[in-house]
Amino acid sequence: MPDKLKLYGSEYCHLCDEAGALLGLLGIDAEYVDIAADDELIDLYGTRIPVLQRMDTGMELDWPFGADGLTEFLHKP
């Protein structure tokens, strides 16, 4: 499992809240990155949030994802 994860989202995104809650239920820590203050991040993720990114490989997992998809994503080499 990767050491570092980032969860890209926005303050008023209920889907982002759901993704964060799922991570919490599974005991997975991720740095939350609010894209609202960064135009480049808005361009990259504005229509895709929430997005989970593995910092070891750069791979990204777009919402919607459940526990099974998340587990598979985290255990990919």
C-alpha atoms as a PDB file:
ATOM      1  CA  MET A   1       0.000   0.000   0.000  1.00  0.00           C
ATOM      2  CA  PRO A   2       1.339   3.470  -0.854  1.00  0.00           C
ATOM      3  CA  ASP A   3       2.746   5.655   1.915  1.00  0.00           C
ATOM      4  CA  LYS A   4       1.176   8.876   0.685  1.00  0.00           C
ATOM      5  CA  LEU A   5      -2.184   9.657  -0.852  1.00  0.00           C
ATOM      6  CA  LYS A   6      -3.878  12.901  -1.815  1.00  0.00           C
ATOM      7  CA  LEU A   7      -7.615  13.402  -2.038  1.00  0.00           C
ATOM      8  CA  TYR A   8      -8.500  16.299  -4.331  1.00  0.00           C
ATOM      9  CA  GLY A   9     -11.815  17.922  -3.621  1.00  0.00           C
ATOM     10  CA  SER A  10     -13.628  21.094  -2.682  1.00  0.00           C
ATOM     11  CA  GLU A  11     -15.236  22.394   0.497  1.00  0.00           C
ATOM     12  CA  TYR A  12     -18.843  22.250  -0.690  1.00  0.00           C
ATOM     13  CA  CYS A  13     -18.633  18.926  -2.547  1.00  0.00           C
ATOM     14  CA  HIS A  14     -20.860  16.297  -0.931  1.00  0.00           C
ATOM     15  CA  LEU A  15     -19.223  13.584  -3.037  1.00  0.00           C
ATOM     16  CA  CYS A  16     -15.856  14.628  -1.605  1.00  0.00           C
ATOM     17  CA  ASP A  17     -17.329  14.256   1.877  1.00  0.00           C
ATOM     18  CA  GLU A  18     -18.493  10.748   0.962  1.00  0.00           C
ATOM     19  CA  ALA A  19     -15.061   9.808  -0.371  1.00  0.00           C
ATOM     20  CA  GLY A  20     -13.376  11.145   2.764  1.00  0.00           C
ATOM     21  CA  ALA A  21     -15.805   9.212   4.947  1.00  0.00           C
ATOM     22  CA  LEU A  22     -15.092   5.993   3.029  1.00  0.00           C
ATOM     23  CA  LEU A  23     -11.348   6.492   3.472  1.00  0.00           C
ATOM     24  CA  GLY A  24     -11.901   7.091   7.179  1.00  0.00           C
ATOM     25  CA  LEU A  25     -14.020   3.947   7.566  1.00  0.00           C
ATOM     26  CA  LEU A  26     -11.253   1.912   5.979  1.00  0.00           C
ATOM     27  CA  GLY A  27      -8.545   3.565   8.107  1.00  0.00           C
ATOM     28  CA  ILE A  28      -6.845   5.122   5.099  1.00  0.00           C
ATOM     29  CA  ASP A  29      -5.077   8.447   5.560  1.00  0.00           C
ATOM     30  CA  ALA A  30      -4.959  10.899   2.676  1.00  0.00           C
ATOM     31  CA  GLU A  31      -3.870  14.519   2.516  1.00  0.00           C
ATOM     32  CA  TYR A  32      -6.919  16.589   1.555  1.00  0.00           C
ATOM     33  CA  VAL A  33      -6.254  19.153  -1.171  1.00  0.00           C
ATOM     34  CA  ASP A  34      -8.935  21.799  -1.756  1.00  0.00           C
ATOM     35  CA  ILE A  35      -8.725  22.687  -5.436  1.00  0.00           C
ATOM     36  CA  ALA A  36     -10.795  25.885  -5.136  1.00  0.00           C
ATOM     37  CA  ALA A  37      -7.862  28.255  -4.648  1.00  0.00           C
ATOM     38  CA  ASP A  38      -5.703  26.921  -7.482  1.00  0.00           C
ATOM     39  CA  ASP A  39      -6.687  27.551 -11.113  1.00  0.00           C
ATOM     40  CA  GLU A  40      -4.436  24.760 -12.383  1.00  0.00           C
ATOM     41  CA  LEU A  41      -6.016  22.229 -10.027  1.00  0.00           C
ATOM     42  CA  ILE A  42      -9.478  23.454 -11.007  1.00  0.00           C
ATOM     43  CA  ASP A  43      -8.586  22.845 -14.662  1.00  0.00           C
ATOM     44  CA  LEU A  44      -7.278  19.345 -13.867  1.00  0.00           C
ATOM     45  CA  TYR A  45      -9.877  18.164 -11.378  1.00  0.00           C
ATOM     46  CA  GLY A  46     -12.838  20.563 -11.476  1.00  0.00           C
ATOM     47  CA  THR A  47     -15.231  18.148 -13.182  1.00  0.00           C
ATOM     48  CA  ARG A  48     -13.709  14.955 -11.725  1.00  0.00           C
ATOM     49  CA  ILE A  49     -13.598  15.495  -7.954  1.00  0.00           C
ATOM     50  CA  PRO A  50     -13.199  13.708  -5.713  1.00  0.00           C
ATOM     51  CA  VAL A  51     -10.007  12.177  -7.062  1.00  0.00           C
ATOM     52  CA  LEU A  52      -7.611  10.040  -5.035  1.00  0.00           C
ATOM     53  CA  GLN A  53      -3.979  10.114  -6.147  1.00  0.00           C
ATOM     54  CA  ARG A  54      -1.161   7.753  -5.199  1.00  0.00           C
ATOM     55  CA  MET A  55       1.986   9.775  -4.700  1.00  0.00           C
ATOM     56  CA  ASP A  56       4.276   6.789  -5.359  1.00  0.00           C
ATOM     57  CA  THR A  57       3.009   6.143  -8.902  1.00  0.00           C
ATOM     58  CA  GLY A  58       0.913   9.208  -9.719  1.00  0.00           C
ATOM     59  CA  MET A  59      -2.054   6.936 -10.501  1.00  0.00           C
ATOM     60  CA  GLU A  60      -5.456   8.484  -9.930  1.00  0.00           C
ATOM     61  CA  LEU A  61      -8.832   7.035  -9.002  1.00  0.00           C
ATOM     62  CA  ASP A  62     -11.877   9.105  -9.921  1.00  0.00           C
ATOM     63  CA  TRP A  63     -15.170   8.998  -8.069  1.00  0.00           C
ATOM     64  CA  PRO A  64     -17.301   6.950  -7.847  1.00  0.00           C
ATOM     65  CA  PHE A  65     -15.335   4.264  -6.075  1.00  0.00           C
ATOM     66  CA  GLY A  66     -16.305   1.815  -3.376  1.00  0.00           C
ATOM     67  CA  ALA A  67     -14.327  -0.215  -0.887  1.00  0.00           C
ATOM     68  CA  ASP A  68     -13.489  -2.952  -3.412  1.00  0.00           C
ATOM     69  CA  GLY A  69     -12.292  -0.554  -6.109  1.00  0.00           C
ATOM     70  CA  LEU A  70     -10.322   1.442  -3.576  1.00  0.00           C
ATOM     71  CA  THR A  71      -8.621  -1.668  -2.199  1.00  0.00           C
ATOM     72  CA  GLU A  72      -7.695  -2.807  -5.711  1.00  0.00           C
ATOM     73  CA  PHE A  73      -6.331   0.655  -6.554  1.00  0.00           C
ATOM     74  CA  LEU A  74      -4.199   0.767  -3.413  1.00  0.00           C
ATOM     75  CA  HIS A  75      -2.676  -2.664  -3.997  1.00  0.00           C
ATOM     76  CA  LYS A  76      -1.707  -2.204  -7.648  1.00  0.00           C
ATOM     77  CA  PRO A  77       2.062  -2.225  -8.166  1.00  0.00           C
END
